[in-house]
Amino acid sequence: TLLLIKNMPDKVFNASTCGDNCAGFILKLAKENDITINLR
């Protein structure tokens, strides 16, 4: 999911497939590009 978010920032991915250990990487990606994630 992190690789999808990084390489396809124009799409919205279900980030609930990520554990909390991915949160820092999501924030890092959001500093580089505007990203939208879906959380359940």
Full PDB file with SEQRES, HELIX, SHEET, SSBOND, CRYST1, ORIGX, SCALE, CONECT and MASTER records, all heavy atoms in Angstrom:
SEQRES   1 A   40  THR LEU LEU LEU ILE LYS ASN MET PRO ASP LYS VAL PHE          
SEQRES   2 A   40  ASN ALA SER THR CYS GLY ASP ASN CYS ALA GLY PHE ILE          
SEQRES   3 A   40  LEU LYS LEU ALA LYS GLU ASN ASP ILE THR ILE ASN LEU          
SEQRES   4 A   40  ARG                                                          
HELIX    1 AA1 LEU A    2  ASN A    7  1                                   6    
HELIX    2 AA2 ALA A   15  THR A   17  5                                   3    
HELIX    3 AA3 ASP A   20  CYS A   22  5                                   3    
HELIX    4 AA4 ALA A   23  GLU A   32  1                                  10    
SHEET    1 AA1 2 PHE A  13  ASN A  14  0                                        
SHEET    2 AA1 2 ILE A  37  ASN A  38  1                                        
CRYST1    1.000    1.000    1.000  90.00  90.00  90.00 P 1           1          
ORIGX1      1.000000  0.000000  0.000000        0.00000                         
ORIGX2      0.000000  1.000000  0.000000        0.00000                         
ORIGX3      0.000000  0.000000  1.000000        0.00000                         
SCALE1      1.000000  0.000000  0.000000        0.00000                         
SCALE2      0.000000  1.000000  0.000000        0.00000                         
SCALE3      0.000000  0.000000  1.000000        0.00000                         
ATOM      1  N   THR A   1       0.832  -1.207   0.000  1.00  0.00           N  
ATOM      2  CA  THR A   1       0.000   0.000   0.000  1.00  0.00           C  
ATOM      3  C   THR A   1       0.865   1.255   0.000  1.00  0.00           C  
ATOM      4  O   THR A   1       0.584   2.208  -0.730  1.00  0.00           O  
ATOM      5  CB  THR A   1      -0.964  -0.016   1.198  1.00  0.00           C  
ATOM      6  OG1 THR A   1      -1.768  -1.195   1.112  1.00  0.00           O  
ATOM      7  CG2 THR A   1      -1.854   1.212   1.200  1.00  0.00           C  
ATOM      8  N   LEU A   2       1.932   1.273   0.795  1.00  0.00           N  
ATOM      9  CA  LEU A   2       2.836   2.425   0.798  1.00  0.00           C  
ATOM     10  C   LEU A   2       3.458   2.654  -0.577  1.00  0.00           C  
ATOM     11  O   LEU A   2       3.577   3.793  -1.031  1.00  0.00           O  
ATOM     12  CB  LEU A   2       3.930   2.244   1.845  1.00  0.00           C  
ATOM     13  CG  LEU A   2       3.493   2.373   3.300  1.00  0.00           C  
ATOM     14  CD1 LEU A   2       4.606   1.906   4.241  1.00  0.00           C  
ATOM     15  CD2 LEU A   2       3.071   3.798   3.623  1.00  0.00           C  
ATOM     16  N   LEU A   3       3.845   1.579  -1.243  1.00  0.00           N  
ATOM     17  CA  LEU A   3       4.440   1.716  -2.576  1.00  0.00           C  
ATOM     18  C   LEU A   3       3.411   2.222  -3.581  1.00  0.00           C  
ATOM     19  O   LEU A   3       3.739   3.016  -4.470  1.00  0.00           O  
ATOM     20  CB  LEU A   3       5.057   0.391  -3.028  1.00  0.00           C  
ATOM     21  CG  LEU A   3       6.243  -0.083  -2.185  1.00  0.00           C  
ATOM     22  CD1 LEU A   3       6.783  -1.416  -2.706  1.00  0.00           C  
ATOM     23  CD2 LEU A   3       7.348   0.964  -2.138  1.00  0.00           C  
ATOM     24  N   LEU A   4       2.172   1.795  -3.446  1.00  0.00           N  
ATOM     25  CA  LEU A   4       1.110   2.310  -4.312  1.00  0.00           C  
ATOM     26  C   LEU A   4       0.895   3.804  -4.070  1.00  0.00           C  
ATOM     27  O   LEU A   4       0.790   4.591  -5.016  1.00  0.00           O  
ATOM     28  CB  LEU A   4      -0.193   1.551  -4.072  1.00  0.00           C  
ATOM     29  CG  LEU A   4      -0.248   0.136  -4.619  1.00  0.00           C  
ATOM     30  CD1 LEU A   4      -1.457  -0.616  -4.046  1.00  0.00           C  
ATOM     31  CD2 LEU A   4      -0.294   0.132  -6.145  1.00  0.00           C  
ATOM     32  N   ILE A   5       0.825   4.200  -2.799  1.00  0.00           N  
ATOM     33  CA  ILE A   5       0.610   5.617  -2.466  1.00  0.00           C  
ATOM     34  C   ILE A   5       1.740   6.466  -3.033  1.00  0.00           C  
ATOM     35  O   ILE A   5       1.506   7.534  -3.608  1.00  0.00           O  
ATOM     36  CB  ILE A   5       0.489   5.816  -0.939  1.00  0.00           C  
ATOM     37  CG1 ILE A   5      -0.788   5.158  -0.410  1.00  0.00           C  
ATOM     38  CG2 ILE A   5       0.532   7.300  -0.576  1.00  0.00           C  
ATOM     39  CD1 ILE A   5      -0.858   5.050   1.107  1.00  0.00           C  
ATOM     40  N   LYS A   6       2.969   5.994  -2.897  1.00  0.00           N  
ATOM     41  CA  LYS A   6       4.113   6.766  -3.394  1.00  0.00           C  
ATOM     42  C   LYS A   6       4.097   6.890  -4.910  1.00  0.00           C  
ATOM     43  O   LYS A   6       4.316   7.962  -5.458  1.00  0.00           O  
ATOM     44  CB  LYS A   6       5.432   6.131  -2.975  1.00  0.00           C  
ATOM     45  CG  LYS A   6       6.613   6.953  -3.535  1.00  0.00           C  
ATOM     46  CD  LYS A   6       7.932   6.342  -3.302  1.00  0.00           C  
ATOM     47  CE  LYS A   6       9.076   7.229  -3.685  1.00  0.00           C  
ATOM     48  NZ  LYS A   6       9.120   7.657  -5.068  1.00  0.00           N  
ATOM     49  N   ASN A   7       3.840   5.791  -5.574  1.00  0.00           N  
ATOM     50  CA  ASN A   7       3.974   5.762  -7.026  1.00  0.00           C  
ATOM     51  C   ASN A   7       2.713   6.146  -7.788  1.00  0.00           C  
ATOM     52  O   ASN A   7       2.780   6.377  -8.995  1.00  0.00           O  
ATOM     53  CB  ASN A   7       4.470   4.380  -7.459  1.00  0.00           C  
ATOM     54  CG  ASN A   7       5.898   4.162  -7.035  1.00  0.00           C  
ATOM     55  OD1 ASN A   7       6.811   4.736  -7.595  1.00  0.00           O  
ATOM     56  ND2 ASN A   7       6.092   3.365  -5.996  1.00  0.00           N  
ATOM     57  N   MET A   8       1.595   6.224  -7.097  1.00  0.00           N  
ATOM     58  CA  MET A   8       0.334   6.607  -7.739  1.00  0.00           C  
ATOM     59  C   MET A   8      -0.400   7.612  -6.835  1.00  0.00           C  
ATOM     60  O   MET A   8      -1.506   7.342  -6.371  1.00  0.00           O  
ATOM     61  CB  MET A   8      -0.509   5.361  -7.997  1.00  0.00           C  
ATOM     62  CG  MET A   8       0.211   4.319  -8.848  1.00  0.00           C  
ATOM     63  SD  MET A   8      -0.779   2.850  -9.144  1.00  0.00           S  
ATOM     64  CE  MET A   8      -1.594   3.367 -10.659  1.00  0.00           C  
ATOM     65  N   PRO A   9       0.216   8.769  -6.567  1.00  0.00           N  
ATOM     66  CA  PRO A   9      -0.361   9.716  -5.598  1.00  0.00           C  
ATOM     67  C   PRO A   9      -1.700  10.311  -6.026  1.00  0.00           C  
ATOM     68  O   PRO A   9      -2.399  10.899  -5.203  1.00  0.00           O  
ATOM     69  CB  PRO A   9       0.715  10.801  -5.468  1.00  0.00           C  
ATOM     70  CG  PRO A   9       1.490  10.723  -6.743  1.00  0.00           C  
ATOM     71  CD  PRO A   9       1.459   9.271  -7.147  1.00  0.00           C  
ATOM     72  N   ASP A  10      -2.075  10.144  -7.277  1.00  0.00           N  
ATOM     73  CA  ASP A  10      -3.352  10.668  -7.759  1.00  0.00           C  
ATOM     74  C   ASP A  10      -4.525   9.743  -7.430  1.00  0.00           C  
ATOM     75  O   ASP A  10      -5.671  10.115  -7.584  1.00  0.00           O  
ATOM     76  CB  ASP A  10      -3.282  10.902  -9.264  1.00  0.00           C  
ATOM     77  CG  ASP A  10      -2.902   9.646 -10.033  1.00  0.00           C  
ATOM     78  OD1 ASP A  10      -2.000   8.910  -9.576  1.00  0.00           O  
ATOM     79  OD2 ASP A  10      -3.497   9.383 -11.096  1.00  0.00           O  
ATOM     80  N   LYS A  11      -4.240   8.543  -6.949  1.00  0.00           N  
ATOM     81  CA  LYS A  11      -5.279   7.577  -6.592  1.00  0.00           C  
ATOM     82  C   LYS A  11      -5.472   7.583  -5.076  1.00  0.00           C  
ATOM     83  O   LYS A  11      -4.612   8.010  -4.326  1.00  0.00           O  
ATOM     84  CB  LYS A  11      -4.891   6.185  -7.061  1.00  0.00           C  
ATOM     85  CG  LYS A  11      -4.648   6.089  -8.558  1.00  0.00           C  
ATOM     86  CD  LYS A  11      -5.467   5.009  -9.150  1.00  0.00           C  
ATOM     87  CE  LYS A  11      -5.191   4.857 -10.620  1.00  0.00           C  
ATOM     88  NZ  LYS A  11      -6.118   5.586 -11.441  1.00  0.00           N  
ATOM     89  N   VAL A  12      -6.603   7.050  -4.635  1.00  0.00           N  
ATOM     90  CA  VAL A  12      -6.897   6.940  -3.204  1.00  0.00           C  
ATOM     91  C   VAL A  12      -6.885   5.463  -2.842  1.00  0.00           C  
ATOM     92  O   VAL A  12      -7.598   4.659  -3.453  1.00  0.00           O  
ATOM     93  CB  VAL A  12      -8.275   7.544  -2.864  1.00  0.00           C  
ATOM     94  CG1 VAL A  12      -8.565   7.399  -1.373  1.00  0.00           C  
ATOM     95  CG2 VAL A  12      -8.333   9.006  -3.280  1.00  0.00           C  
ATOM     96  N   PHE A  13      -6.070   5.122  -1.854  1.00  0.00           N  
ATOM     97  CA  PHE A  13      -5.931   3.729  -1.430  1.00  0.00           C  
ATOM     98  C   PHE A  13      -6.430   3.523  -0.012  1.00  0.00           C  
ATOM     99  O   PHE A  13      -6.338   4.419   0.823  1.00  0.00           O  
ATOM    100  CB  PHE A  13      -4.465   3.284  -1.538  1.00  0.00           C  
ATOM    101  CG  PHE A  13      -3.967   3.260  -2.954  1.00  0.00           C  
ATOM    102  CD1 PHE A  13      -3.220   4.317  -3.452  1.00  0.00           C  
ATOM    103  CD2 PHE A  13      -4.279   2.209  -3.796  1.00  0.00           C  
ATOM    104  CE1 PHE A  13      -2.778   4.319  -4.765  1.00  0.00           C  
ATOM    105  CE2 PHE A  13      -3.844   2.200  -5.112  1.00  0.00           C  
ATOM    106  CZ  PHE A  13      -3.089   3.258  -5.601  1.00  0.00           C  
ATOM    107  N   ASN A  14      -6.928   2.340   0.246  1.00  0.00           N  
ATOM    108  CA  ASN A  14      -7.368   1.922   1.565  1.00  0.00           C  
ATOM    109  C   ASN A  14      -6.132   1.715   2.429  1.00  0.00           C  
ATOM    110  O   ASN A  14      -5.471   0.680   2.352  1.00  0.00           O  
ATOM    111  CB  ASN A  14      -8.181   0.631   1.447  1.00  0.00           C  
ATOM    112  CG  ASN A  14      -8.475  -0.009   2.766  1.00  0.00           C  
ATOM    113  OD1 ASN A  14      -8.477   0.645   3.806  1.00  0.00           O  
ATOM    114  ND2 ASN A  14      -8.724  -1.312   2.745  1.00  0.00           N  
ATOM    115  N   ALA A  15      -5.811   2.686   3.270  1.00  0.00           N  
ATOM    116  CA  ALA A  15      -4.627   2.585   4.118  1.00  0.00           C  
ATOM    117  C   ALA A  15      -4.895   1.785   5.387  1.00  0.00           C  
ATOM    118  O   ALA A  15      -3.994   1.603   6.205  1.00  0.00           O  
ATOM    119  CB  ALA A  15      -4.093   3.971   4.456  1.00  0.00           C  
ATOM    120  N   SER A  16      -6.099   1.261   5.534  1.00  0.00           N  
ATOM    121  CA  SER A  16      -6.365   0.359   6.662  1.00  0.00           C  
ATOM    122  C   SER A  16      -5.702  -0.992   6.448  1.00  0.00           C  
ATOM    123  O   SER A  16      -5.688  -1.816   7.354  1.00  0.00           O  
ATOM    124  CB  SER A  16      -7.871   0.207   6.895  1.00  0.00           C  
ATOM    125  OG  SER A  16      -8.373   1.375   7.516  1.00  0.00           O  
ATOM    126  N   THR A  17      -5.122  -1.203   5.275  1.00  0.00           N  
ATOM    127  CA  THR A  17      -4.313  -2.400   5.055  1.00  0.00           C  
ATOM    128  C   THR A  17      -2.930  -2.242   5.676  1.00  0.00           C  
ATOM    129  O   THR A  17      -2.157  -3.183   5.708  1.00  0.00           O  
ATOM    130  CB  THR A  17      -4.154  -2.690   3.547  1.00  0.00           C  
ATOM    131  OG1 THR A  17      -3.523  -1.572   2.926  1.00  0.00           O  
ATOM    132  CG2 THR A  17      -5.491  -2.961   2.891  1.00  0.00           C  
ATOM    133  N   CYS A  18      -2.647  -1.040   6.160  1.00  0.00           N  
ATOM    134  CA  CYS A  18      -1.362  -0.741   6.789  1.00  0.00           C  
ATOM    135  C   CYS A  18      -1.492  -0.828   8.309  1.00  0.00           C  
ATOM    136  O   CYS A  18      -2.512  -0.421   8.866  1.00  0.00           O  
ATOM    137  CB  CYS A  18      -0.924   0.689   6.457  1.00  0.00           C  
ATOM    138  SG  CYS A  18      -0.617   1.013   4.721  1.00  0.00           S  
ATOM    139  N   GLY A  19      -0.452  -1.290   8.942  1.00  0.00           N  
ATOM    140  CA  GLY A  19      -0.383  -1.223  10.395  1.00  0.00           C  
ATOM    141  C   GLY A  19       0.075   0.159  10.813  1.00  0.00           C  
ATOM    142  O   GLY A  19       0.477   0.992   9.991  1.00  0.00           O  
ATOM    143  N   ASP A  20       0.043   0.410  12.118  1.00  0.00           N  
ATOM    144  CA  ASP A  20       0.499   1.704  12.633  1.00  0.00           C  
ATOM    145  C   ASP A  20       1.974   1.948  12.331  1.00  0.00           C  
ATOM    146  O   ASP A  20       2.414   3.099  12.290  1.00  0.00           O  
ATOM    147  CB  ASP A  20       0.248   1.795  14.139  1.00  0.00           C  
ATOM    148  CG  ASP A  20      -1.237   1.912  14.468  1.00  0.00           C  
ATOM    149  OD1 ASP A  20      -2.027   2.318  13.592  1.00  0.00           O  
ATOM    150  OD2 ASP A  20      -1.602   1.590  15.619  1.00  0.00           O  
ATOM    151  N   ASN A  21       2.733   0.872  12.079  1.00  0.00           N  
ATOM    152  CA  ASN A  21       4.151   1.040  11.746  1.00  0.00           C  
ATOM    153  C   ASN A  21       4.345   1.717  10.385  1.00  0.00           C  
ATOM    154  O   ASN A  21       5.447   2.130  10.046  1.00  0.00           O  
ATOM    155  CB  ASN A  21       4.902  -0.287  11.808  1.00  0.00           C  
ATOM    156  CG  ASN A  21       4.355  -1.340  10.861  1.00  0.00           C  
ATOM    157  OD1 ASN A  21       3.238  -1.237  10.347  1.00  0.00           O  
ATOM    158  ND2 ASN A  21       5.118  -2.390  10.653  1.00  0.00           N  
ATOM    159  N   CYS A  22       3.289   1.869   9.620  1.00  0.00           N  
ATOM    160  CA  CYS A  22       3.354   2.555   8.331  1.00  0.00           C  
ATOM    161  C   CYS A  22       3.037   4.045   8.440  1.00  0.00           C  
ATOM    162  O   CYS A  22       3.249   4.798   7.491  1.00  0.00           O  
ATOM    163  CB  CYS A  22       2.377   1.913   7.344  1.00  0.00           C  
ATOM    164  SG  CYS A  22       2.753   0.192   6.930  1.00  0.00           S  
ATOM    165  N   ALA A  23       2.522   4.486   9.583  1.00  0.00           N  
ATOM    166  CA  ALA A  23       2.049   5.865   9.732  1.00  0.00           C  
ATOM    167  C   ALA A  23       3.137   6.897   9.444  1.00  0.00           C  
ATOM    168  O   ALA A  23       2.887   7.900   8.771  1.00  0.00           O  
ATOM    169  CB  ALA A  23       1.468   6.078  11.126  1.00  0.00           C  
ATOM    170  N   GLY A  24       4.326   6.676   9.946  1.00  0.00           N  
ATOM    171  CA  GLY A  24       5.424   7.615   9.701  1.00  0.00           C  
ATOM    172  C   GLY A  24       5.753   7.742   8.228  1.00  0.00           C  
ATOM    173  O   GLY A  24       6.058   8.842   7.740  1.00  0.00           O  
ATOM    174  N   PHE A  25       5.669   6.636   7.508  1.00  0.00           N  
ATOM    175  CA  PHE A  25       5.934   6.677   6.065  1.00  0.00           C  
ATOM    176  C   PHE A  25       4.830   7.428   5.325  1.00  0.00           C  
ATOM    177  O   PHE A  25       5.094   8.130   4.355  1.00  0.00           O  
ATOM    178  CB  PHE A  25       6.095   5.263   5.499  1.00  0.00           C  
ATOM    179  CG  PHE A  25       7.381   4.606   5.877  1.00  0.00           C  
ATOM    180  CD1 PHE A  25       7.400   3.547   6.771  1.00  0.00           C  
ATOM    181  CD2 PHE A  25       8.587   5.038   5.350  1.00  0.00           C  
ATOM    182  CE1 PHE A  25       8.584   2.934   7.127  1.00  0.00           C  
ATOM    183  CE2 PHE A  25       9.787   4.435   5.697  1.00  0.00           C  
ATOM    184  CZ  PHE A  25       9.787   3.377   6.588  1.00  0.00           C  
ATOM    185  N   ILE A  26       3.595   7.281   5.782  1.00  0.00           N  
ATOM    186  CA  ILE A  26       2.491   8.026   5.164  1.00  0.00           C  
ATOM    187  C   ILE A  26       2.719   9.523   5.352  1.00  0.00           C  
ATOM    188  O   ILE A  26       2.566  10.307   4.413  1.00  0.00           O  
ATOM    189  CB  ILE A  26       1.131   7.573   5.733  1.00  0.00           C  
ATOM    190  CG1 ILE A  26       0.824   6.147   5.240  1.00  0.00           C  
ATOM    191  CG2 ILE A  26       0.018   8.550   5.349  1.00  0.00           C  
ATOM    192  CD1 ILE A  26      -0.396   5.506   5.875  1.00  0.00           C  
ATOM    193  N   LEU A  27       3.116   9.921   6.549  1.00  0.00           N  
ATOM    194  CA  LEU A  27       3.393  11.339   6.795  1.00  0.00           C  
ATOM    195  C   LEU A  27       4.564  11.835   5.945  1.00  0.00           C  
ATOM    196  O   LEU A  27       4.546  12.964   5.434  1.00  0.00           O  
ATOM    197  CB  LEU A  27       3.664  11.585   8.276  1.00  0.00           C  
ATOM    198  CG  LEU A  27       2.466  11.374   9.207  1.00  0.00           C  
ATOM    199  CD1 LEU A  27       2.891  11.551  10.659  1.00  0.00           C  
ATOM    200  CD2 LEU A  27       1.311  12.294   8.854  1.00  0.00           C  
ATOM    201  N   LYS A  28       5.560  10.996   5.785  1.00  0.00           N  
ATOM    202  CA  LYS A  28       6.715  11.360   4.950  1.00  0.00           C  
ATOM    203  C   LYS A  28       6.275  11.585   3.506  1.00  0.00           C  
ATOM    204  O   LYS A  28       6.667  12.571   2.874  1.00  0.00           O  
ATOM    205  CB  LYS A  28       7.773  10.250   5.016  1.00  0.00           C  
ATOM    206  CG  LYS A  28       9.022  10.524   4.225  1.00  0.00           C  
ATOM    207  CD  LYS A  28      10.039   9.407   4.410  1.00  0.00           C  
ATOM    208  CE  LYS A  28      11.319   9.699   3.658  1.00  0.00           C  
ATOM    209  NZ  LYS A  28      12.335   8.652   3.894  1.00  0.00           N  
ATOM    210  N   LEU A  29       5.441  10.697   2.983  1.00  0.00           N  
ATOM    211  CA  LEU A  29       4.946  10.852   1.620  1.00  0.00           C  
ATOM    212  C   LEU A  29       4.102  12.120   1.477  1.00  0.00           C  
ATOM    213  O   LEU A  29       4.156  12.805   0.450  1.00  0.00           O  
ATOM    214  CB  LEU A  29       4.126   9.630   1.203  1.00  0.00           C  
ATOM    215  CG  LEU A  29       4.921   8.350   0.972  1.00  0.00           C  
ATOM    216  CD1 LEU A  29       3.984   7.170   0.779  1.00  0.00           C  
ATOM    217  CD2 LEU A  29       5.868   8.501  -0.218  1.00  0.00           C  
ATOM    218  N   ALA A  30       3.333  12.438   2.510  1.00  0.00           N  
ATOM    219  CA  ALA A  30       2.460  13.616   2.473  1.00  0.00           C  
ATOM    220  C   ALA A  30       3.249  14.924   2.503  1.00  0.00           C  
ATOM    221  O   ALA A  30       2.733  15.969   2.102  1.00  0.00           O  
ATOM    222  CB  ALA A  30       1.464  13.567   3.626  1.00  0.00           C  
ATOM    223  N   LYS A  31       4.485  14.876   2.979  1.00  0.00           N  
ATOM    224  CA  LYS A  31       5.331  16.068   2.943  1.00  0.00           C  
ATOM    225  C   LYS A  31       5.831  16.331   1.525  1.00  0.00           C  
ATOM    226  O   LYS A  31       6.117  17.455   1.156  1.00  0.00           O  
ATOM    227  CB  LYS A  31       6.525  15.914   3.887  1.00  0.00           C  
ATOM    228  CG  LYS A  31       6.151  16.077   5.337  1.00  0.00           C  
ATOM    229  CD  LYS A  31       7.372  15.965   6.225  1.00  0.00           C  
ATOM    230  CE  LYS A  31       6.967  16.117   7.683  1.00  0.00           C  
ATOM    231  NZ  LYS A  31       8.118  15.941   8.575  1.00  0.00           N  
ATOM    232  N   GLU A  32       5.962  15.262   0.728  1.00  0.00           N  
ATOM    233  CA  GLU A  32       6.474  15.379  -0.637  1.00  0.00           C  
ATOM    234  C   GLU A  32       5.383  15.681  -1.652  1.00  0.00           C  
ATOM    235  O   GLU A  32       5.620  16.364  -2.645  1.00  0.00           O  
ATOM    236  CB  GLU A  32       7.191  14.079  -1.027  1.00  0.00           C  
ATOM    237  CG  GLU A  32       8.388  13.774  -0.152  1.00  0.00           C  
ATOM    238  CD  GLU A  32       8.935  12.364  -0.362  1.00  0.00           C  
ATOM    239  OE1 GLU A  32       8.439  11.641  -1.257  1.00  0.00           O  
ATOM    240  OE2 GLU A  32       9.853  11.984   0.386  1.00  0.00           O  
ATOM    241  N   ASN A  33       4.181  15.123  -1.440  1.00  0.00           N  
ATOM    242  CA  ASN A  33       3.050  15.279  -2.363  1.00  0.00           C  
ATOM    243  C   ASN A  33       1.765  15.342  -1.571  1.00  0.00           C  
ATOM    244  O   ASN A  33       1.683  14.786  -0.485  1.00  0.00           O  
ATOM    245  CB  ASN A  33       2.931  14.055  -3.298  1.00  0.00           C  
ATOM    246  CG  ASN A  33       3.994  14.002  -4.352  1.00  0.00           C  
ATOM    247  OD1 ASN A  33       4.167  14.926  -5.118  1.00  0.00           O  
ATOM    248  ND2 ASN A  33       4.722  12.891  -4.394  1.00  0.00           N  
ATOM    249  N   ASP A  34       0.763  15.968  -2.157  1.00  0.00           N  
ATOM    250  CA  ASP A  34      -0.569  15.859  -1.579  1.00  0.00           C  
ATOM    251  C   ASP A  34      -1.052  14.439  -1.817  1.00  0.00           C  
ATOM    252  O   ASP A  34      -1.005  13.956  -2.959  1.00  0.00           O  
ATOM    253  CB  ASP A  34      -1.537  16.838  -2.249  1.00  0.00           C  
ATOM    254  CG  ASP A  34      -1.257  18.277  -1.868  1.00  0.00           C  
ATOM    255  OD1 ASP A  34      -0.617  18.494  -0.821  1.00  0.00           O  
ATOM    256  OD2 ASP A  34      -1.685  19.175  -2.608  1.00  0.00           O  
ATOM    257  N   ILE A  35      -1.467  13.769  -0.752  1.00  0.00           N  
ATOM    258  CA  ILE A  35      -2.003  12.422  -0.902  1.00  0.00           C  
ATOM    259  C   ILE A  35      -3.305  12.311  -0.128  1.00  0.00           C  
ATOM    260  O   ILE A  35      -3.501  12.991   0.872  1.00  0.00           O  
ATOM    261  CB  ILE A  35      -1.014  11.318  -0.443  1.00  0.00           C  
ATOM    262  CG1 ILE A  35      -0.660  11.468   1.037  1.00  0.00           C  
ATOM    263  CG2 ILE A  35       0.230  11.301  -1.301  1.00  0.00           C  
ATOM    264  CD1 ILE A  35       0.079  10.271   1.615  1.00  0.00           C  
ATOM    265  N   THR A  36      -4.170  11.459  -0.632  1.00  0.00           N  
ATOM    266  CA  THR A  36      -5.433  11.165   0.029  1.00  0.00           C  
ATOM    267  C   THR A  36      -5.473   9.684   0.316  1.00  0.00           C  
ATOM    268  O   THR A  36      -5.182   8.869  -0.567  1.00  0.00           O  
ATOM    269  CB  THR A  36      -6.630  11.559  -0.861  1.00  0.00           C  
ATOM    270  OG1 THR A  36      -6.540  12.953  -1.164  1.00  0.00           O  
ATOM    271  CG2 THR A  36      -7.948  11.267  -0.165  1.00  0.00           C  
ATOM    272  N   ILE A  37      -5.795   9.350   1.557  1.00  0.00           N  
ATOM    273  CA  ILE A  37      -5.945   7.953   1.940  1.00  0.00           C  
ATOM    274  C   ILE A  37      -7.343   7.731   2.496  1.00  0.00           C  
ATOM    275  O   ILE A  37      -7.983   8.659   2.980  1.00  0.00           O  
ATOM    276  CB  ILE A  37      -4.887   7.490   2.963  1.00  0.00           C  
ATOM    277  CG1 ILE A  37      -4.976   8.300   4.262  1.00  0.00           C  
ATOM    278  CG2 ILE A  37      -3.491   7.552   2.356  1.00  0.00           C  
ATOM    279  CD1 ILE A  37      -4.089   7.776   5.394  1.00  0.00           C  
ATOM    280  N   ASN A  38      -7.779   6.498   2.413  1.00  0.00           N  
ATOM    281  CA  ASN A  38      -9.039   6.090   3.005  1.00  0.00           C  
ATOM    282  C   ASN A  38      -8.707   5.236   4.216  1.00  0.00           C  
ATOM    283  O   ASN A  38      -7.869   4.345   4.140  1.00  0.00           O  
ATOM    284  CB  ASN A  38      -9.840   5.280   1.975  1.00  0.00           C  
ATOM    285  CG  ASN A  38     -11.153   4.762   2.504  1.00  0.00           C  
ATOM    286  OD1 ASN A  38     -11.479   3.608   2.299  1.00  0.00           O  
ATOM    287  ND2 ASN A  38     -11.917   5.586   3.167  1.00  0.00           N  
ATOM    288  N   LEU A  39      -9.332   5.551   5.354  1.00  0.00           N  
ATOM    289  CA  LEU A  39      -9.135   4.754   6.566  1.00  0.00           C  
ATOM    290  C   LEU A  39     -10.482   4.255   7.061  1.00  0.00           C  
ATOM    291  O   LEU A  39     -11.463   4.996   7.069  1.00  0.00           O  
ATOM    292  CB  LEU A  39      -8.462   5.574   7.671  1.00  0.00           C  
ATOM    293  CG  LEU A  39      -6.977   5.859   7.512  1.00  0.00           C  
ATOM    294  CD1 LEU A  39      -6.494   6.821   8.592  1.00  0.00           C  
ATOM    295  CD2 LEU A  39      -6.166   4.572   7.547  1.00  0.00           C  
ATOM    296  N   ARG A  40     -10.488   3.017   7.495  1.00  0.00           N  
ATOM    297  CA  ARG A  40     -11.688   2.423   8.083  1.00  0.00           C  
ATOM    298  C   ARG A  40     -11.443   2.111   9.550  1.00  0.00           C  
ATOM    299  O   ARG A  40     -12.201   1.378  10.169  1.00  0.00           O  
ATOM    300  CB  ARG A  40     -12.070   1.172   7.295  1.00  0.00           C  
ATOM    301  CG  ARG A  40     -12.616   1.561   5.921  1.00  0.00           C  
ATOM    302  CD  ARG A  40     -12.144   0.658   4.830  1.00  0.00           C  
ATOM    303  NE  ARG A  40     -12.387   1.240   3.527  1.00  0.00           N  
ATOM    304  CZ  ARG A  40     -13.405   0.935   2.763  1.00  0.00           C  
ATOM    305  NH1 ARG A  40     -14.315   0.081   3.160  1.00  0.00           N  
ATOM    306  NH2 ARG A  40     -13.532   1.487   1.587  1.00  0.00           N  
TER     307      ARG A  40                                                      
MASTER        0    0    0    4    2    0    0    6  306    1    0    4          
END                                                                             
